[in-house]
Amino acid sequence: MKKRILSLALALVLTLSLLAACGGGSSTTTPPANSTTTVPPANNTPSGGNTFTAGEWPDNDWTKQVPKPSAGKIGKIGTKGEGDKTLSIKMDWTREEAAAYCDELVAGNFSQNVLAYYKDSTPTSVLLEAESSDGWSVAVSETEIQIYKP
C-alpha cells in the first residue's frame, strides 16, 4: 500500500513539474517550424548549408545578381550543391507572377544569355534558365528561384 501511494505521489509530482515546465507565458515568440533553421553569418553570405529567415530577401552575393521579386511570398532560403555554389529561394507564387519575374530578369542583367524561357503554359515547371555576362546563372520555376555562382 505504501509503495502505491509513493508511486502515485511521485507520478503526481512528475506530472506537475512537467506541466510547470511546459506552461508559462514566455514573452518571446517562436517562429513557425518551417521559417528558419540557422542564423546567417554576419556578412549575410550563406555557406555550409545555412538557411535564412523565410519572408526576408537576404542581402548577399547571390541576391545582388537578381532583383527582389515584387510578387509572391519568399519561403525557405538556403545554400545547396557542391561547395554551396547554389542559393535556393523557395517561392509561393502563381505561374503568372513567376513569369512576370522572368520578364524582369530577361530585361535586366540576363538579357543576352537566355538558355531557355517557357513563359507560356508548358508541361515543365522551369520557366527560365539564363546566365549573366559575368557568369552567374539563374533558374526560375513555379516554386523556386535558384542562383548559381560562376
N, C-alpha and C. Protein backbone atom coordinates (compact mmCIF):
# COMPACT_ATOMS: atom_id res chain seq x y z
N MET A 1 0.82 -1.19 0.00
CA MET A 1 0.00 0.00 0.00
C MET A 1 0.86 1.26 0.00
N LYS A 2 1.93 1.23 0.82
CA LYS A 2 2.81 2.38 0.90
C LYS A 2 3.51 2.62 -0.45
N LYS A 3 3.86 1.52 -1.14
CA LYS A 3 4.53 1.64 -2.43
C LYS A 3 3.60 2.27 -3.46
N ARG A 4 2.31 1.93 -3.42
CA ARG A 4 1.34 2.50 -4.35
C ARG A 4 1.16 4.00 -4.11
N ILE A 5 1.05 4.36 -2.84
CA ILE A 5 0.88 5.78 -2.50
C ILE A 5 2.13 6.55 -2.91
N LEU A 6 3.29 5.98 -2.63
CA LEU A 6 4.54 6.63 -3.01
C LEU A 6 4.64 6.76 -4.54
N SER A 7 4.26 5.70 -5.25
CA SER A 7 4.28 5.75 -6.72
C SER A 7 3.32 6.81 -7.25
N LEU A 8 2.12 6.88 -6.70
CA LEU A 8 1.15 7.89 -7.11
C LEU A 8 1.67 9.30 -6.82
N ALA A 9 2.26 9.48 -5.65
CA ALA A 9 2.79 10.79 -5.29
C ALA A 9 3.92 11.20 -6.24
N LEU A 10 4.82 10.27 -6.55
CA LEU A 10 5.90 10.57 -7.48
C LEU A 10 5.36 10.88 -8.88
N ALA A 11 4.36 10.13 -9.32
CA ALA A 11 3.76 10.39 -10.63
C ALA A 11 3.10 11.76 -10.65
N LEU A 12 2.44 12.14 -9.55
CA LEU A 12 1.80 13.44 -9.46
C LEU A 12 2.84 14.56 -9.49
N VAL A 13 3.91 14.41 -8.74
CA VAL A 13 4.97 15.41 -8.71
C VAL A 13 5.61 15.55 -10.10
N LEU A 14 5.85 14.41 -10.75
CA LEU A 14 6.44 14.42 -12.07
C LEU A 14 5.52 15.11 -13.07
N THR A 15 4.23 14.82 -13.01
CA THR A 15 3.26 15.43 -13.90
C THR A 15 3.17 16.94 -13.67
N LEU A 16 3.13 17.36 -12.42
CA LEU A 16 3.06 18.78 -12.11
C LEU A 16 4.32 19.53 -12.56
N SER A 17 5.48 18.91 -12.37
CA SER A 17 6.72 19.57 -12.80
C SER A 17 6.78 19.67 -14.32
N LEU A 18 6.26 18.66 -15.00
CA LEU A 18 6.21 18.70 -16.45
C LEU A 18 5.27 19.79 -16.93
N LEU A 19 4.12 19.92 -16.29
CA LEU A 19 3.18 20.97 -16.65
C LEU A 19 3.75 22.36 -16.38
N ALA A 20 4.47 22.49 -15.29
CA ALA A 20 5.07 23.78 -14.96
C ALA A 20 6.16 24.14 -15.97
N ALA A 21 6.91 23.15 -16.41
CA ALA A 21 7.98 23.40 -17.38
C ALA A 21 7.41 23.76 -18.74
N CYS A 22 6.32 23.12 -19.14
CA CYS A 22 5.74 23.36 -20.46
C CYS A 22 4.86 24.61 -20.48
N GLY A 23 4.31 24.97 -19.38
CA GLY A 23 3.41 26.12 -19.33
C GLY A 23 4.18 27.40 -19.17
N GLY A 24 3.50 28.41 -18.74
CA GLY A 24 4.16 29.68 -18.50
C GLY A 24 4.07 30.57 -19.71
N GLY A 25 3.95 31.83 -19.46
CA GLY A 25 3.80 32.79 -20.54
C GLY A 25 5.13 33.40 -20.91
N SER A 26 5.80 32.83 -21.85
CA SER A 26 7.05 33.39 -22.33
C SER A 26 6.76 34.62 -23.19
N SER A 27 7.56 35.64 -23.02
CA SER A 27 7.33 36.87 -23.78
C SER A 27 7.92 36.81 -25.18
N THR A 28 8.77 35.80 -25.45
CA THR A 28 9.33 35.69 -26.79
C THR A 28 8.44 34.79 -27.64
N THR A 29 8.36 35.15 -28.90
CA THR A 29 7.56 34.34 -29.81
C THR A 29 8.50 33.45 -30.60
N THR A 30 8.07 32.25 -30.87
CA THR A 30 8.87 31.35 -31.67
C THR A 30 8.37 31.38 -33.10
N PRO A 31 9.28 31.36 -34.06
CA PRO A 31 8.87 31.39 -35.45
C PRO A 31 8.24 30.07 -35.85
N PRO A 32 7.46 30.05 -36.92
CA PRO A 32 6.90 28.80 -37.40
C PRO A 32 8.02 27.81 -37.71
N ALA A 33 7.70 26.53 -37.62
CA ALA A 33 8.71 25.49 -37.77
C ALA A 33 9.44 25.56 -39.11
N ASN A 34 8.78 26.00 -40.17
CA ASN A 34 9.42 26.00 -41.47
C ASN A 34 10.04 27.33 -41.85
N SER A 35 10.15 28.28 -40.93
CA SER A 35 10.58 29.61 -41.35
C SER A 35 12.10 29.78 -41.33
N THR A 36 12.80 29.18 -40.39
CA THR A 36 14.24 29.37 -40.34
C THR A 36 14.88 28.26 -39.52
N THR A 37 16.14 27.97 -39.80
CA THR A 37 16.82 26.95 -39.03
C THR A 37 18.12 27.43 -38.43
N THR A 38 18.87 28.25 -39.11
CA THR A 38 20.13 28.72 -38.58
C THR A 38 20.27 30.22 -38.77
N VAL A 39 21.17 30.78 -38.00
CA VAL A 39 21.42 32.21 -38.11
C VAL A 39 22.49 32.43 -39.17
N PRO A 40 22.25 33.33 -40.13
CA PRO A 40 23.25 33.56 -41.17
C PRO A 40 24.49 34.23 -40.61
N PRO A 41 25.62 34.08 -41.30
CA PRO A 41 26.83 34.77 -40.87
C PRO A 41 26.65 36.28 -40.92
N ALA A 42 27.58 36.99 -40.31
CA ALA A 42 27.47 38.44 -40.20
C ALA A 42 27.38 39.12 -41.55
N ASN A 43 28.08 38.61 -42.56
CA ASN A 43 28.04 39.26 -43.87
C ASN A 43 26.86 38.78 -44.71
N ASN A 44 25.99 37.97 -44.13
CA ASN A 44 24.77 37.51 -44.78
C ASN A 44 25.04 36.68 -46.03
N THR A 45 26.22 36.08 -46.12
CA THR A 45 26.54 35.19 -47.22
C THR A 45 26.49 33.77 -46.70
N PRO A 46 25.55 32.97 -47.18
CA PRO A 46 25.41 31.63 -46.63
C PRO A 46 26.54 30.71 -47.06
N SER A 47 26.86 29.79 -46.18
CA SER A 47 27.80 28.73 -46.53
C SER A 47 27.51 27.56 -45.62
N GLY A 48 27.92 26.41 -46.01
CA GLY A 48 27.71 25.23 -45.19
C GLY A 48 26.24 24.88 -45.03
N GLY A 49 25.42 25.17 -46.01
CA GLY A 49 24.01 24.81 -45.93
C GLY A 49 23.21 25.73 -45.03
N ASN A 50 23.67 26.94 -44.79
CA ASN A 50 22.93 27.87 -43.96
C ASN A 50 21.57 28.18 -44.56
N THR A 51 20.62 28.48 -43.69
CA THR A 51 19.29 28.84 -44.12
C THR A 51 18.94 30.19 -43.55
N PHE A 52 18.32 31.05 -44.36
CA PHE A 52 17.92 32.38 -43.93
C PHE A 52 16.47 32.37 -43.48
N THR A 53 16.04 33.44 -42.88
CA THR A 53 14.67 33.58 -42.42
C THR A 53 13.73 33.67 -43.61
N ALA A 54 12.66 32.89 -43.56
CA ALA A 54 11.66 32.94 -44.63
C ALA A 54 10.99 34.30 -44.61
N GLY A 55 10.61 34.77 -45.79
CA GLY A 55 9.91 36.04 -45.89
C GLY A 55 10.80 37.25 -46.04
N GLU A 56 12.10 37.07 -45.82
CA GLU A 56 13.04 38.19 -45.92
C GLU A 56 13.99 37.94 -47.09
N TRP A 57 14.20 38.95 -47.90
CA TRP A 57 15.12 38.86 -49.02
C TRP A 57 16.51 39.17 -48.50
N PRO A 58 17.42 38.19 -48.47
CA PRO A 58 18.75 38.45 -47.90
C PRO A 58 19.60 39.33 -48.81
N ASP A 59 20.55 39.99 -48.23
CA ASP A 59 21.48 40.83 -48.97
C ASP A 59 22.82 40.10 -49.00
N ASN A 60 23.12 39.44 -50.11
CA ASN A 60 24.36 38.70 -50.23
C ASN A 60 24.81 38.69 -51.69
N ASP A 61 25.92 38.02 -51.97
CA ASP A 61 26.46 38.00 -53.33
C ASP A 61 25.46 37.45 -54.34
N TRP A 62 24.72 36.44 -53.95
CA TRP A 62 23.74 35.84 -54.86
C TRP A 62 22.62 36.82 -55.20
N THR A 63 21.97 37.34 -54.17
CA THR A 63 20.79 38.17 -54.40
C THR A 63 21.12 39.52 -55.01
N LYS A 64 22.37 39.93 -54.98
CA LYS A 64 22.77 41.16 -55.67
C LYS A 64 22.76 40.98 -57.18
N GLN A 65 22.71 39.73 -57.65
CA GLN A 65 22.72 39.45 -59.08
C GLN A 65 21.34 39.55 -59.71
N VAL A 66 20.29 39.45 -58.89
CA VAL A 66 18.92 39.43 -59.41
C VAL A 66 18.05 40.42 -58.62
N PRO A 67 16.98 40.92 -59.23
CA PRO A 67 16.10 41.81 -58.47
C PRO A 67 15.26 41.03 -57.47
N LYS A 68 14.84 41.69 -56.42
CA LYS A 68 13.94 41.09 -55.45
C LYS A 68 12.57 40.94 -56.12
N PRO A 69 11.94 39.77 -55.98
CA PRO A 69 10.61 39.60 -56.58
C PRO A 69 9.60 40.58 -55.97
N SER A 70 8.78 41.17 -56.82
CA SER A 70 7.78 42.12 -56.34
C SER A 70 6.47 41.43 -55.98
N ALA A 71 6.32 40.17 -56.36
CA ALA A 71 5.10 39.42 -56.06
C ALA A 71 5.46 38.08 -55.45
N GLY A 72 4.49 37.46 -54.81
CA GLY A 72 4.71 36.17 -54.19
C GLY A 72 5.31 36.29 -52.80
N LYS A 73 5.34 35.16 -52.10
CA LYS A 73 5.91 35.12 -50.76
C LYS A 73 7.20 34.34 -50.79
N ILE A 74 8.20 34.89 -50.12
CA ILE A 74 9.51 34.25 -50.05
C ILE A 74 9.46 33.22 -48.94
N GLY A 75 9.87 32.00 -49.28
CA GLY A 75 9.89 30.92 -48.30
C GLY A 75 11.30 30.65 -47.82
N LYS A 76 11.59 29.40 -47.59
CA LYS A 76 12.90 28.97 -47.09
C LYS A 76 14.00 29.32 -48.08
N ILE A 77 15.09 29.85 -47.57
CA ILE A 77 16.23 30.24 -48.40
C ILE A 77 17.46 29.55 -47.84
N GLY A 78 18.21 28.88 -48.69
CA GLY A 78 19.41 28.22 -48.21
C GLY A 78 20.34 27.84 -49.35
N THR A 79 21.55 27.46 -49.00
CA THR A 79 22.52 27.05 -49.99
C THR A 79 22.44 25.55 -50.20
N LYS A 80 22.89 25.12 -51.37
CA LYS A 80 22.96 23.69 -51.63
C LYS A 80 23.97 23.45 -52.74
N GLY A 81 24.20 22.21 -53.03
CA GLY A 81 25.14 21.85 -54.08
C GLY A 81 26.56 21.79 -53.57
N GLU A 82 27.42 21.25 -54.40
CA GLU A 82 28.82 21.10 -54.05
C GLU A 82 29.47 22.46 -53.83
N GLY A 83 30.06 22.64 -52.68
CA GLY A 83 30.72 23.90 -52.35
C GLY A 83 29.77 25.06 -52.10
N ASP A 84 28.49 24.75 -51.85
CA ASP A 84 27.49 25.79 -51.59
C ASP A 84 27.50 26.86 -52.68
N LYS A 85 27.50 26.44 -53.93
CA LYS A 85 27.52 27.40 -55.04
C LYS A 85 26.13 27.76 -55.53
N THR A 86 25.11 27.22 -54.89
CA THR A 86 23.74 27.50 -55.32
C THR A 86 22.94 28.05 -54.16
N LEU A 87 22.24 29.15 -54.40
CA LEU A 87 21.30 29.69 -53.42
C LEU A 87 19.90 29.33 -53.90
N SER A 88 19.16 28.64 -53.06
CA SER A 88 17.79 28.23 -53.38
C SER A 88 16.81 29.08 -52.59
N ILE A 89 15.88 29.72 -53.30
CA ILE A 89 14.88 30.56 -52.67
C ILE A 89 13.51 29.97 -53.02
N LYS A 90 12.87 29.36 -52.05
CA LYS A 90 11.54 28.80 -52.28
C LYS A 90 10.54 29.94 -52.39
N MET A 91 9.64 29.84 -53.37
CA MET A 91 8.67 30.90 -53.62
C MET A 91 7.25 30.34 -53.59
N ASP A 92 6.36 31.11 -53.00
CA ASP A 92 4.94 30.80 -53.05
C ASP A 92 4.31 31.87 -53.94
N TRP A 93 4.18 31.55 -55.25
CA TRP A 93 3.64 32.50 -56.19
C TRP A 93 2.93 31.75 -57.30
N THR A 94 2.16 32.48 -58.07
CA THR A 94 1.47 31.87 -59.20
C THR A 94 2.43 31.78 -60.39
N ARG A 95 2.04 31.00 -61.38
CA ARG A 95 2.86 30.90 -62.58
C ARG A 95 2.97 32.27 -63.26
N GLU A 96 1.90 33.05 -63.22
CA GLU A 96 1.91 34.38 -63.83
C GLU A 96 2.88 35.30 -63.11
N GLU A 97 2.92 35.24 -61.77
CA GLU A 97 3.86 36.06 -61.00
C GLU A 97 5.29 35.63 -61.30
N ALA A 98 5.52 34.33 -61.42
CA ALA A 98 6.86 33.84 -61.75
C ALA A 98 7.26 34.29 -63.15
N ALA A 99 6.34 34.24 -64.10
CA ALA A 99 6.63 34.68 -65.47
C ALA A 99 6.94 36.18 -65.51
N ALA A 100 6.23 36.96 -64.72
CA ALA A 100 6.50 38.40 -64.66
C ALA A 100 7.90 38.65 -64.10
N TYR A 101 8.31 37.85 -63.12
CA TYR A 101 9.66 37.97 -62.57
C TYR A 101 10.70 37.60 -63.64
N CYS A 102 10.39 36.57 -64.43
CA CYS A 102 11.29 36.18 -65.52
C CYS A 102 11.45 37.32 -66.51
N ASP A 103 10.35 38.03 -66.79
CA ASP A 103 10.42 39.19 -67.69
C ASP A 103 11.40 40.23 -67.16
N GLU A 104 11.39 40.45 -65.83
CA GLU A 104 12.32 41.40 -65.22
C GLU A 104 13.76 40.94 -65.42
N LEU A 105 14.00 39.65 -65.24
CA LEU A 105 15.36 39.12 -65.40
C LEU A 105 15.84 39.25 -66.84
N VAL A 106 14.96 38.91 -67.78
CA VAL A 106 15.31 38.97 -69.20
C VAL A 106 15.57 40.41 -69.63
N ALA A 107 14.85 41.36 -69.05
CA ALA A 107 15.04 42.77 -69.39
C ALA A 107 16.30 43.34 -68.74
N GLY A 108 16.82 42.65 -67.74
CA GLY A 108 17.97 43.17 -66.99
C GLY A 108 19.27 42.49 -67.36
N ASN A 109 19.98 42.04 -66.34
CA ASN A 109 21.33 41.51 -66.45
C ASN A 109 21.42 40.20 -67.24
N PHE A 110 20.32 39.49 -67.42
CA PHE A 110 20.35 38.18 -68.05
C PHE A 110 19.85 38.20 -69.50
N SER A 111 19.72 39.38 -70.09
CA SER A 111 19.09 39.52 -71.40
C SER A 111 19.87 38.85 -72.53
N GLN A 112 21.17 38.81 -72.44
CA GLN A 112 21.98 38.30 -73.56
C GLN A 112 22.09 36.77 -73.60
N ASN A 113 21.97 36.12 -72.47
CA ASN A 113 22.24 34.69 -72.42
C ASN A 113 21.07 33.90 -71.85
N VAL A 114 19.91 34.04 -72.46
CA VAL A 114 18.76 33.25 -72.02
C VAL A 114 18.89 31.87 -72.63
N LEU A 115 19.02 30.86 -71.79
CA LEU A 115 19.20 29.50 -72.26
C LEU A 115 17.85 28.86 -72.61
N ALA A 116 16.84 29.15 -71.82
CA ALA A 116 15.50 28.62 -72.07
C ALA A 116 14.50 29.51 -71.36
N TYR A 117 13.38 29.78 -72.02
CA TYR A 117 12.34 30.60 -71.41
C TYR A 117 10.99 30.04 -71.84
N TYR A 118 10.30 29.45 -70.89
CA TYR A 118 9.00 28.83 -71.13
C TYR A 118 7.92 29.69 -70.48
N LYS A 119 7.66 30.82 -71.06
CA LYS A 119 6.72 31.76 -70.45
C LYS A 119 5.28 31.26 -70.55
N ASP A 120 4.93 30.69 -71.69
CA ASP A 120 3.57 30.21 -71.87
C ASP A 120 3.38 28.89 -71.14
N SER A 121 2.14 28.46 -71.04
CA SER A 121 1.86 27.23 -70.30
C SER A 121 2.49 26.04 -71.03
N THR A 122 3.46 25.47 -70.38
CA THR A 122 4.16 24.29 -70.90
C THR A 122 4.14 23.22 -69.82
N PRO A 123 4.45 22.01 -70.18
CA PRO A 123 4.40 20.95 -69.17
C PRO A 123 5.51 21.05 -68.12
N THR A 124 6.52 21.85 -68.37
CA THR A 124 7.62 21.96 -67.42
C THR A 124 7.34 23.03 -66.37
N SER A 125 7.87 22.82 -65.19
CA SER A 125 7.70 23.84 -64.14
C SER A 125 8.83 24.86 -64.20
N VAL A 126 9.91 24.57 -64.90
CA VAL A 126 11.00 25.52 -65.05
C VAL A 126 10.59 26.56 -66.08
N LEU A 127 10.63 27.82 -65.69
CA LEU A 127 10.21 28.88 -66.60
C LEU A 127 11.38 29.56 -67.30
N LEU A 128 12.49 29.71 -66.58
CA LEU A 128 13.62 30.45 -67.15
C LEU A 128 14.93 29.84 -66.70
N GLU A 129 15.85 29.71 -67.63
CA GLU A 129 17.24 29.39 -67.33
C GLU A 129 18.07 30.40 -68.08
N ALA A 130 18.91 31.15 -67.37
CA ALA A 130 19.69 32.20 -68.02
C ALA A 130 21.02 32.37 -67.30
N GLU A 131 21.93 33.04 -68.00
CA GLU A 131 23.26 33.30 -67.47
C GLU A 131 23.59 34.76 -67.72
N SER A 132 24.18 35.40 -66.72
CA SER A 132 24.57 36.80 -66.89
C SER A 132 25.91 36.88 -67.61
N SER A 133 26.27 38.06 -68.05
CA SER A 133 27.53 38.23 -68.77
C SER A 133 28.75 37.96 -67.90
N ASP A 134 28.57 38.06 -66.57
CA ASP A 134 29.70 37.80 -65.68
C ASP A 134 29.67 36.38 -65.09
N GLY A 135 28.89 35.47 -65.68
CA GLY A 135 28.96 34.07 -65.30
C GLY A 135 27.95 33.57 -64.29
N TRP A 136 27.18 34.43 -63.70
CA TRP A 136 26.15 33.99 -62.76
C TRP A 136 24.99 33.39 -63.55
N SER A 137 24.37 32.34 -63.01
CA SER A 137 23.23 31.71 -63.66
C SER A 137 22.03 31.77 -62.74
N VAL A 138 20.85 31.73 -63.36
CA VAL A 138 19.61 31.74 -62.58
C VAL A 138 18.62 30.78 -63.25
N ALA A 139 17.85 30.10 -62.42
CA ALA A 139 16.76 29.26 -62.90
C ALA A 139 15.53 29.63 -62.08
N VAL A 140 14.43 29.86 -62.77
CA VAL A 140 13.19 30.24 -62.10
C VAL A 140 12.14 29.18 -62.43
N SER A 141 11.45 28.72 -61.40
CA SER A 141 10.37 27.77 -61.60
C SER A 141 9.12 28.28 -60.90
N GLU A 142 8.08 27.49 -60.93
CA GLU A 142 6.83 27.86 -60.26
C GLU A 142 6.96 27.82 -58.74
N THR A 143 8.04 27.22 -58.24
CA THR A 143 8.20 27.08 -56.79
C THR A 143 9.52 27.60 -56.24
N GLU A 144 10.43 28.04 -57.11
CA GLU A 144 11.77 28.33 -56.62
C GLU A 144 12.55 29.24 -57.56
N ILE A 145 13.47 30.01 -56.96
CA ILE A 145 14.50 30.74 -57.70
C ILE A 145 15.83 30.13 -57.28
N GLN A 146 16.64 29.73 -58.22
CA GLN A 146 17.97 29.22 -57.91
C GLN A 146 18.99 30.11 -58.59
N ILE A 147 19.97 30.55 -57.80
CA ILE A 147 21.03 31.41 -58.31
C ILE A 147 22.34 30.65 -58.13
N TYR A 148 23.11 30.53 -59.21
CA TYR A 148 24.35 29.75 -59.23
C TYR A 148 25.56 30.66 -59.37
N LYS A 149 26.55 30.45 -58.49
CA LYS A 149 27.81 31.19 -58.58
C LYS A 149 28.60 30.71 -59.78
N PRO A 150 29.39 31.59 -60.39
CA PRO A 150 30.24 31.15 -61.50
C PRO A 150 31.34 30.21 -61.03
